Amino acid sequence: MSIASTGPTAPDTVPAADIRGWLVERIAFYLECSTEEIAEDAPLVDIGLDSVYSLTLCGDVEDRFGLTVEPTMAWDHPTVGAITAHLTEELARR
């Protein structure tokens, strides 16, 4: 299944690498930069992700993966790597 899909995806069809790639694409879109500029271990606030886009990302995660996430997700898990690990764990619990 393509990560560009708009509907929720079953947990067994979303490898961590796909979640990470999707997150990088979304964040790059918000920040109007290339995906190469988004480091997995860089704090999102340091690369320019503000509170509005952090909340937007939560909504996008909910739409894409069918998960309900806390609005503080980007602060609780402040890097792409941390969010990827969190979402992978949450999807495994479903």
PDB file of N, CA and C in Angstrom:
ATOM      1  N   MET A   1       0.849  -1.179   0.000  1.00  0.00           N
ATOM      2  CA  MET A   1       0.000   0.000   0.000  1.00  0.00           C
ATOM      3  C   MET A   1       0.886   1.231   0.000  1.00  0.00           C
ATOM      4  N   SER A   2       0.545   2.206  -0.745  1.00  0.00           N
ATOM      5  CA  SER A   2       1.298   3.447  -0.844  1.00  0.00           C
ATOM      6  C   SER A   2       1.096   4.287   0.402  1.00  0.00           C
ATOM      7  N   ILE A   3       2.151   4.951   0.848  1.00  0.00           N
ATOM      8  CA  ILE A   3       2.015   5.816   2.012  1.00  0.00           C
ATOM      9  C   ILE A   3       1.258   7.091   1.686  1.00  0.00           C
ATOM     10  N   ALA A   4       1.001   7.323   0.415  1.00  0.00           N
ATOM     11  CA  ALA A   4       0.239   8.503   0.021  1.00  0.00           C
ATOM     12  C   ALA A   4      -1.263   8.292   0.185  1.00  0.00           C
ATOM     13  N   SER A   5      -1.664   7.079   0.508  1.00  0.00           N
ATOM     14  CA  SER A   5      -3.074   6.768   0.698  1.00  0.00           C
ATOM     15  C   SER A   5      -3.671   7.689   1.752  1.00  0.00           C
ATOM     16  N   THR A   6      -4.921   8.060   1.564  1.00  0.00           N
ATOM     17  CA  THR A   6      -5.552   8.976   2.500  1.00  0.00           C
ATOM     18  C   THR A   6      -6.338   8.267   3.589  1.00  0.00           C
ATOM     19  N   GLY A   7      -6.676   7.005   3.403  1.00  0.00           N
ATOM     20  CA  GLY A   7      -7.481   6.298   4.380  1.00  0.00           C
ATOM     21  C   GLY A   7      -6.648   5.631   5.445  1.00  0.00           C
ATOM     22  N   PRO A   8      -7.272   5.265   6.579  1.00  0.00           N
ATOM     23  CA  PRO A   8      -6.558   4.555   7.631  1.00  0.00           C
ATOM     24  C   PRO A   8      -6.008   3.238   7.122  1.00  0.00           C
ATOM     25  N   THR A   9      -4.885   2.849   7.678  1.00  0.00           N
ATOM     26  CA  THR A   9      -4.204   1.639   7.251  1.00  0.00           C
ATOM     27  C   THR A   9      -4.097   0.678   8.419  1.00  0.00           C
ATOM     28  N   ALA A  10      -4.264  -0.599   8.152  1.00  0.00           N
ATOM     29  CA  ALA A  10      -4.127  -1.623   9.181  1.00  0.00           C
ATOM     30  C   ALA A  10      -2.682  -1.648   9.677  1.00  0.00           C
ATOM     31  N   PRO A  11      -2.455  -1.935  10.973  1.00  0.00           N
ATOM     32  CA  PRO A  11      -1.119  -1.866  11.538  1.00  0.00           C
ATOM     33  C   PRO A  11      -0.112  -2.790  10.877  1.00  0.00           C
ATOM     34  N   ASP A  12      -0.537  -3.944  10.416  1.00  0.00           N
ATOM     35  CA  ASP A  12       0.423  -4.885   9.848  1.00  0.00           C
ATOM     36  C   ASP A  12       0.853  -4.494   8.443  1.00  0.00           C
ATOM     37  N   THR A  13       0.298  -3.434   7.890  1.00  0.00           N
ATOM     38  CA  THR A  13       0.683  -3.014   6.550  1.00  0.00           C
ATOM     39  C   THR A  13       1.541  -1.755   6.565  1.00  0.00           C
ATOM     40  N   VAL A  14       1.942  -1.286   7.741  1.00  0.00           N
ATOM     41  CA  VAL A  14       2.702  -0.042   7.819  1.00  0.00           C
ATOM     42  C   VAL A  14       4.030  -0.281   8.531  1.00  0.00           C
ATOM     43  N   PRO A  15       5.073  -0.563   7.771  1.00  0.00           N
ATOM     44  CA  PRO A  15       6.397  -0.703   8.392  1.00  0.00           C
ATOM     45  C   PRO A  15       6.880   0.645   8.932  1.00  0.00           C
ATOM     46  N   ALA A  16       7.740   0.602   9.932  1.00  0.00           N
ATOM     47  CA  ALA A  16       8.272   1.829  10.526  1.00  0.00           C
ATOM     48  C   ALA A  16       8.904   2.731   9.467  1.00  0.00           C
ATOM     49  N   ALA A  17       9.574   2.160   8.493  1.00  0.00           N
ATOM     50  CA  ALA A  17      10.212   2.962   7.439  1.00  0.00           C
ATOM     51  C   ALA A  17       9.167   3.755   6.652  1.00  0.00           C
ATOM     52  N   ASP A  18       7.997   3.176   6.438  1.00  0.00           N
ATOM     53  CA  ASP A  18       6.928   3.885   5.726  1.00  0.00           C
ATOM     54  C   ASP A  18       6.348   5.010   6.583  1.00  0.00           C
ATOM     55  N   ILE A  19       6.194   4.755   7.876  1.00  0.00           N
ATOM     56  CA  ILE A  19       5.713   5.801   8.786  1.00  0.00           C
ATOM     57  C   ILE A  19       6.708   6.949   8.782  1.00  0.00           C
ATOM     58  N   ARG A  20       7.983   6.626   8.920  1.00  0.00           N
ATOM     59  CA  ARG A  20       9.032   7.643   8.932  1.00  0.00           C
ATOM     60  C   ARG A  20       9.019   8.450   7.635  1.00  0.00           C
ATOM     61  N   GLY A  21       8.936   7.775   6.512  1.00  0.00           N
ATOM     62  CA  GLY A  21       8.905   8.462   5.217  1.00  0.00           C
ATOM     63  C   GLY A  21       7.708   9.378   5.091  1.00  0.00           C
ATOM     64  N   TRP A  22       6.560   8.907   5.532  1.00  0.00           N
ATOM     65  CA  TRP A  22       5.345   9.716   5.484  1.00  0.00           C
ATOM     66  C   TRP A  22       5.489  10.952   6.371  1.00  0.00           C
ATOM     67  N   LEU A  23       6.021  10.766   7.587  1.00  0.00           N
ATOM     68  CA  LEU A  23       6.224  11.896   8.490  1.00  0.00           C
ATOM     69  C   LEU A  23       7.164  12.929   7.878  1.00  0.00           C
ATOM     70  N   VAL A  24       8.266  12.475   7.318  1.00  0.00           N
ATOM     71  CA  VAL A  24       9.230  13.393   6.707  1.00  0.00           C
ATOM     72  C   VAL A  24       8.569  14.161   5.569  1.00  0.00           C
ATOM     73  N   GLU A  25       7.787  13.476   4.751  1.00  0.00           N
ATOM     74  CA  GLU A  25       7.089  14.154   3.649  1.00  0.00           C
ATOM     75  C   GLU A  25       6.124  15.206   4.160  1.00  0.00           C
ATOM     76  N   ARG A  26       5.354  14.876   5.189  1.00  0.00           N
ATOM     77  CA  ARG A  26       4.386  15.842   5.736  1.00  0.00           C
ATOM     78  C   ARG A  26       5.103  17.054   6.332  1.00  0.00           C
ATOM     79  N   ILE A  27       6.131  16.804   7.123  1.00  0.00           N
ATOM     80  CA  ILE A  27       6.849  17.900   7.772  1.00  0.00           C
ATOM     81  C   ILE A  27       7.531  18.782   6.727  1.00  0.00           C
ATOM     82  N   ALA A  28       8.133  18.179   5.726  1.00  0.00           N
ATOM     83  CA  ALA A  28       8.762  18.953   4.650  1.00  0.00           C
ATOM     84  C   ALA A  28       7.715  19.797   3.932  1.00  0.00           C
ATOM     85  N   PHE A  29       6.533  19.233   3.730  1.00  0.00           N
ATOM     86  CA  PHE A  29       5.445  19.983   3.102  1.00  0.00           C
ATOM     87  C   PHE A  29       5.079  21.207   3.949  1.00  0.00           C
ATOM     88  N   TYR A  30       4.900  20.993   5.268  1.00  0.00           N
ATOM     89  CA  TYR A  30       4.540  22.104   6.155  1.00  0.00           C
ATOM     90  C   TYR A  30       5.607  23.193   6.123  1.00  0.00           C
ATOM     91  N   LEU A  31       6.866  22.786   6.145  1.00  0.00           N
ATOM     92  CA  LEU A  31       7.970  23.738   6.241  1.00  0.00           C
ATOM     93  C   LEU A  31       8.435  24.250   4.887  1.00  0.00           C
ATOM     94  N   GLU A  32       7.802  23.754   3.828  1.00  0.00           N
ATOM     95  CA  GLU A  32       8.155  24.153   2.468  1.00  0.00           C
ATOM     96  C   GLU A  32       9.650  23.984   2.207  1.00  0.00           C
ATOM     97  N   CYS A  33      10.128  22.765   2.497  1.00  0.00           N
ATOM     98  CA  CYS A  33      11.529  22.433   2.265  1.00  0.00           C
ATOM     99  C   CYS A  33      11.611  21.031   1.670  1.00  0.00           C
ATOM    100  N   SER A  34      12.794  20.598   1.346  1.00  0.00           N
ATOM    101  CA  SER A  34      12.962  19.255   0.781  1.00  0.00           C
ATOM    102  C   SER A  34      12.995  18.222   1.905  1.00  0.00           C
ATOM    103  N   THR A  35      12.666  17.005   1.575  1.00  0.00           N
ATOM    104  CA  THR A  35      12.698  15.932   2.572  1.00  0.00           C
ATOM    105  C   THR A  35      14.115  15.700   3.086  1.00  0.00           C
ATOM    106  N   GLU A  36      15.111  16.000   2.264  1.00  0.00           N
ATOM    107  CA  GLU A  36      16.503  15.823   2.676  1.00  0.00           C
ATOM    108  C   GLU A  36      16.888  16.750   3.824  1.00  0.00           C
ATOM    109  N   GLU A  37      16.129  17.811   4.005  1.00  0.00           N
ATOM    110  CA  GLU A  37      16.423  18.774   5.066  1.00  0.00           C
ATOM    111  C   GLU A  37      15.850  18.358   6.425  1.00  0.00           C
ATOM    112  N   ILE A  38      15.082  17.278   6.459  1.00  0.00           N
ATOM    113  CA  ILE A  38      14.447  16.828   7.699  1.00  0.00           C
ATOM    114  C   ILE A  38      15.246  15.645   8.251  1.00  0.00           C
ATOM    115  N   ALA A  39      16.019  15.893   9.293  1.00  0.00           N
ATOM    116  CA  ALA A  39      16.810  14.838   9.940  1.00  0.00           C
ATOM    117  C   ALA A  39      15.940  14.106  10.957  1.00  0.00           C
ATOM    118  N   GLU A  40      16.062  12.792  10.968  1.00  0.00           N
ATOM    119  CA  GLU A  40      15.244  11.962  11.850  1.00  0.00           C
ATOM    120  C   GLU A  40      15.456  12.289  13.327  1.00  0.00           C
ATOM    121  N   ASP A  41      16.648  12.705  13.680  1.00  0.00           N
ATOM    122  CA  ASP A  41      16.962  12.952  15.083  1.00  0.00           C
ATOM    123  C   ASP A  41      16.952  14.434  15.475  1.00  0.00           C
ATOM    124  N   ALA A  42      16.569  15.309  14.547  1.00  0.00           N
ATOM    125  CA  ALA A  42      16.521  16.742  14.851  1.00  0.00           C
ATOM    126  C   ALA A  42      15.230  17.079  15.594  1.00  0.00           C
ATOM    127  N   PRO A  43      15.325  17.840  16.677  1.00  0.00           N
ATOM    128  CA  PRO A  43      14.099  18.283  17.341  1.00  0.00           C
ATOM    129  C   PRO A  43      13.232  19.081  16.365  1.00  0.00           C
ATOM    130  N   LEU A  44      11.973  18.725  16.285  1.00  0.00           N
ATOM    131  CA  LEU A  44      11.070  19.361  15.326  1.00  0.00           C
ATOM    132  C   LEU A  44      10.981  20.863  15.535  1.00  0.00           C
ATOM    133  N   VAL A  45      11.011  21.305  16.754  1.00  0.00           N
ATOM    134  CA  VAL A  45      10.951  22.739  17.026  1.00  0.00           C
ATOM    135  C   VAL A  45      12.193  23.437  16.466  1.00  0.00           C
ATOM    136  N   ASP A  46      13.338  22.776  16.487  1.00  0.00           N
ATOM    137  CA  ASP A  46      14.575  23.367  15.976  1.00  0.00           C
ATOM    138  C   ASP A  46      14.577  23.499  14.454  1.00  0.00           C
ATOM    139  N   ILE A  47      13.807  22.652  13.778  1.00  0.00           N
ATOM    140  CA  ILE A  47      13.773  22.756  12.315  1.00  0.00           C
ATOM    141  C   ILE A  47      12.604  23.620  11.836  1.00  0.00           C
ATOM    142  N   GLY A  48      11.837  24.157  12.793  1.00  0.00           N
ATOM    143  CA  GLY A  48      10.820  25.138  12.440  1.00  0.00           C
ATOM    144  C   GLY A  48       9.376  24.702  12.534  1.00  0.00           C
ATOM    145  N   LEU A  49       9.103  23.516  13.065  1.00  0.00           N
ATOM    146  CA  LEU A  49       7.713  23.072  13.185  1.00  0.00           C
ATOM    147  C   LEU A  49       7.071  23.799  14.363  1.00  0.00           C
ATOM    148  N   ASP A  50       6.105  24.656  14.075  1.00  0.00           N
ATOM    149  CA  ASP A  50       5.458  25.428  15.130  1.00  0.00           C
ATOM    150  C   ASP A  50       4.239  24.699  15.674  1.00  0.00           C
ATOM    151  N   SER A  51       3.575  25.323  16.627  1.00  0.00           N
ATOM    152  CA  SER A  51       2.440  24.676  17.295  1.00  0.00           C
ATOM    153  C   SER A  51       1.278  24.423  16.343  1.00  0.00           C
ATOM    154  N   VAL A  52       1.049  25.311  15.401  1.00  0.00           N
ATOM    155  CA  VAL A  52      -0.043  25.111  14.443  1.00  0.00           C
ATOM    156  C   VAL A  52       0.210  23.866  13.606  1.00  0.00           C
ATOM    157  N   TYR A  53       1.419  23.741  13.070  1.00  0.00           N
ATOM    158  CA  TYR A  53       1.726  22.569  12.252  1.00  0.00           C
ATOM    159  C   TYR A  53       1.833  21.299  13.094  1.00  0.00           C
ATOM    160  N   SER A  54       2.231  21.429  14.345  1.00  0.00           N
ATOM    161  CA  SER A  54       2.266  20.263  15.223  1.00  0.00           C
ATOM    162  C   SER A  54       0.864  19.704  15.430  1.00  0.00           C
ATOM    163  N   LEU A  55      -0.100  20.594  15.612  1.00  0.00           N
ATOM    164  CA  LEU A  55      -1.497  20.156  15.758  1.00  0.00           C
ATOM    165  C   LEU A  55      -2.040  19.615  14.435  1.00  0.00           C
ATOM    166  N   THR A  56      -1.649  20.244  13.343  1.00  0.00           N
ATOM    167  CA  THR A  56      -2.061  19.762  12.027  1.00  0.00           C
ATOM    168  C   THR A  56      -1.512  18.360  11.792  1.00  0.00           C
ATOM    169  N   LEU A  57      -0.274  18.133  12.203  1.00  0.00           N
ATOM    170  CA  LEU A  57       0.328  16.808  12.060  1.00  0.00           C
ATOM    171  C   LEU A  57      -0.476  15.765  12.836  1.00  0.00           C
ATOM    172  N   CYS A  58      -0.941  16.118  14.021  1.00  0.00           N
ATOM    173  CA  CYS A  58      -1.766  15.189  14.806  1.00  0.00           C
ATOM    174  C   CYS A  58      -3.022  14.796  14.027  1.00  0.00           C
ATOM    175  N   GLY A  59      -3.673  15.776  13.435  1.00  0.00           N
ATOM    176  CA  GLY A  59      -4.864  15.487  12.633  1.00  0.00           C
ATOM    177  C   GLY A  59      -4.540  14.622  11.431  1.00  0.00           C
ATOM    178  N   ASP A  60      -3.409  14.898  10.790  1.00  0.00           N
ATOM    179  CA  ASP A  60      -2.998  14.090   9.639  1.00  0.00           C
ATOM    180  C   ASP A  60      -2.695  12.652  10.045  1.00  0.00           C
ATOM    181  N   VAL A  61      -2.058  12.487  11.205  1.00  0.00           N
ATOM    182  CA  VAL A  61      -1.774  11.138  11.719  1.00  0.00           C
ATOM    183  C   VAL A  61      -3.090  10.398  11.963  1.00  0.00           C
ATOM    184  N   GLU A  62      -4.037  11.074  12.580  1.00  0.00           N
ATOM    185  CA  GLU A  62      -5.326  10.447  12.855  1.00  0.00           C
ATOM    186  C   GLU A  62      -6.024  10.041  11.568  1.00  0.00           C
ATOM    187  N   ASP A  63      -5.989  10.924  10.569  1.00  0.00           N
ATOM    188  CA  ASP A  63      -6.616  10.608   9.278  1.00  0.00           C
ATOM    189  C   ASP A  63      -5.889   9.474   8.567  1.00  0.00           C
ATOM    190  N   ARG A  64      -4.590   9.505   8.564  1.00  0.00           N
ATOM    191  CA  ARG A  64      -3.791   8.544   7.794  1.00  0.00           C
ATOM    192  C   ARG A  64      -3.791   7.156   8.413  1.00  0.00           C
ATOM    193  N   PHE A  65      -3.626   7.093   9.743  1.00  0.00           N
ATOM    194  CA  PHE A  65      -3.436   5.807  10.405  1.00  0.00           C
ATOM    195  C   PHE A  65      -4.622   5.357  11.255  1.00  0.00           C
ATOM    196  N   GLY A  66      -5.646   6.193  11.374  1.00  0.00           N
ATOM    197  CA  GLY A  66      -6.815   5.810  12.151  1.00  0.00           C
ATOM    198  C   GLY A  66      -6.542   5.747  13.643  1.00  0.00           C
ATOM    199  N   LEU A  67      -5.550   6.480  14.101  1.00  0.00           N
ATOM    200  CA  LEU A  67      -5.211   6.529  15.519  1.00  0.00           C
ATOM    201  C   LEU A  67      -5.676   7.850  16.110  1.00  0.00           C
ATOM    202  N   THR A  68      -6.036   7.837  17.372  1.00  0.00           N
ATOM    203  CA  THR A  68      -6.280   9.069  18.094  1.00  0.00           C
ATOM    204  C   THR A  68      -5.001   9.377  18.853  1.00  0.00           C
ATOM    205  N   VAL A  69      -4.422  10.543  18.577  1.00  0.00           N
ATOM    206  CA  VAL A  69      -3.184  10.924  19.249  1.00  0.00           C
ATOM    207  C   VAL A  69      -3.405  12.194  20.054  1.00  0.00           C
ATOM    208  N   GLU A  70      -2.591  12.354  21.072  1.00  0.00           N
ATOM    209  CA  GLU A  70      -2.666  13.543  21.915  1.00  0.00           C
ATOM    210  C   GLU A  70      -2.193  14.759  21.133  1.00  0.00           C
ATOM    211  N   PRO A  71      -2.778  15.917  21.381  1.00  0.00           N
ATOM    212  CA  PRO A  71      -2.330  17.129  20.685  1.00  0.00           C
ATOM    213  C   PRO A  71      -0.893  17.520  21.038  1.00  0.00           C
ATOM    214  N   THR A  72      -0.356  16.911  22.075  1.00  0.00           N
ATOM    215  CA  THR A  72       1.026  17.180  22.494  1.00  0.00           C
ATOM    216  C   THR A  72       2.020  16.183  21.893  1.00  0.00           C
ATOM    217  N   MET A  73       1.582  15.392  20.926  1.00  0.00           N
ATOM    218  CA  MET A  73       2.433  14.329  20.367  1.00  0.00           C
ATOM    219  C   MET A  73       3.811  14.846  19.957  1.00  0.00           C
ATOM    220  N   ALA A  74       3.876  15.983  19.268  1.00  0.00           N
ATOM    221  CA  ALA A  74       5.161  16.485  18.765  1.00  0.00           C
ATOM    222  C   ALA A  74       6.060  16.994  19.900  1.00  0.00           C
ATOM    223  N   TRP A  75       5.478  17.321  21.040  1.00  0.00           N
ATOM    224  CA  TRP A  75       6.292  17.724  22.184  1.00  0.00           C
ATOM    225  C   TRP A  75       6.686  16.506  23.006  1.00  0.00           C
ATOM    226  N   ASP A  76       5.780  15.556  23.133  1.00  0.00           N
ATOM    227  CA  ASP A  76       6.080  14.329  23.872  1.00  0.00           C
ATOM    228  C   ASP A  76       7.081  13.452  23.125  1.00  0.00           C
ATOM    229  N   HIS A  77       7.068  13.522  21.818  1.00  0.00           N
ATOM    230  CA  HIS A  77       7.939  12.731  20.936  1.00  0.00           C
ATOM    231  C   HIS A  77       8.536  13.725  19.937  1.00  0.00           C
ATOM    232  N   PRO A  78       9.593  14.456  20.338  1.00  0.00           N
ATOM    233  CA  PRO A  78      10.008  15.663  19.612  1.00  0.00           C
ATOM    234  C   PRO A  78      10.853  15.490  18.344  1.00  0.00           C
ATOM    235  N   THR A  79      11.018  14.283  17.867  1.00  0.00           N
ATOM    236  CA  THR A  79      11.778  14.068  16.628  1.00  0.00           C
ATOM    237  C   THR A  79      11.000  13.130  15.721  1.00  0.00           C
ATOM    238  N   VAL A  80      11.380  13.089  14.462  1.00  0.00           N
ATOM    239  CA  VAL A  80      10.739  12.146  13.535  1.00  0.00           C
ATOM    240  C   VAL A  80      10.941  10.721  14.039  1.00  0.00           C
ATOM    241  N   GLY A  81      12.141  10.414  14.499  1.00  0.00           N
ATOM    242  CA  GLY A  81      12.420   9.069  15.010  1.00  0.00           C
ATOM    243  C   GLY A  81      11.546   8.712  16.202  1.00  0.00           C
ATOM    244  N   ALA A  82      11.365   9.665  17.116  1.00  0.00           N
ATOM    245  CA  ALA A  82      10.541   9.416  18.302  1.00  0.00           C
ATOM    246  C   ALA A  82       9.068   9.248  17.935  1.00  0.00           C
ATOM    247  N   ILE A  83       8.569  10.064  17.016  1.00  0.00           N
ATOM    248  CA  ILE A  83       7.173   9.922  16.586  1.00  0.00           C
ATOM    249  C   ILE A  83       6.984   8.601  15.854  1.00  0.00           C
ATOM    250  N   THR A  84       7.956   8.235  15.028  1.00  0.00           N
ATOM    251  CA  THR A  84       7.875   6.959  14.313  1.00  0.00           C
ATOM    252  C   THR A  84       7.773   5.804  15.298  1.00  0.00           C
ATOM    253  N   ALA A  85       8.629   5.797  16.308  1.00  0.00           N
ATOM    254  CA  ALA A  85       8.595   4.730  17.309  1.00  0.00           C
ATOM    255  C   ALA A  85       7.262   4.716  18.047  1.00  0.00           C
ATOM    256  N   HIS A  86       6.768   5.894  18.400  1.00  0.00           N
ATOM    257  CA  HIS A  86       5.487   5.999  19.105  1.00  0.00           C
ATOM    258  C   HIS A  86       4.335   5.453  18.253  1.00  0.00           C
ATOM    259  N   LEU A  87       4.284   5.872  17.000  1.00  0.00           N
ATOM    260  CA  LEU A  87       3.188   5.422  16.130  1.00  0.00           C
ATOM    261  C   LEU A  87       3.292   3.932  15.842  1.00  0.00           C
ATOM    262  N   THR A  88       4.496   3.441  15.658  1.00  0.00           N
ATOM    263  CA  THR A  88       4.691   2.009  15.424  1.00  0.00           C
ATOM    264  C   THR A  88       4.158   1.211  16.604  1.00  0.00           C
ATOM    265  N   GLU A  89       4.468   1.672  17.811  1.00  0.00           N
ATOM    266  CA  GLU A  89       3.989   1.014  19.033  1.00  0.00           C
ATOM    267  C   GLU A  89       2.469   1.088  19.144  1.00  0.00           C
ATOM    268  N   GLU A  90       1.906   2.261  18.886  1.00  0.00           N
ATOM    269  CA  GLU A  90       0.457   2.423  18.969  1.00  0.00           C
ATOM    270  C   GLU A  90      -0.270   1.558  17.939  1.00  0.00           C
ATOM    271  N   LEU A  91       0.256   1.494  16.745  1.00  0.00           N
ATOM    272  CA  LEU A  91      -0.372   0.667  15.700  1.00  0.00           C
ATOM    273  C   LEU A  91      -0.304  -0.807  16.054  1.00  0.00           C
ATOM    274  N   ALA A  92       0.760  -1.222  16.699  1.00  0.00           N
ATOM    275  CA  ALA A  92       0.912  -2.621  17.110  1.00  0.00           C
ATOM    276  C   ALA A  92      -0.099  -3.009  18.190  1.00  0.00           C
ATOM    277  N   ARG A  93      -0.552  -2.043  18.959  1.00  0.00           N
ATOM    278  CA  ARG A  93      -1.523  -2.293  20.044  1.00  0.00           C
ATOM    279  C   ARG A  93      -2.946  -2.471  19.537  1.00  0.00           C
ATOM    280  N   ARG A  94      -3.222  -2.004  18.310  1.00  0.00           N
ATOM    281  CA  ARG A  94      -4.591  -2.073  17.800  1.00  0.00           C
ATOM    282  C   ARG A  94      -4.987  -3.479  17.506  1.00  0.00           C
TER     283      ARG A  94
END
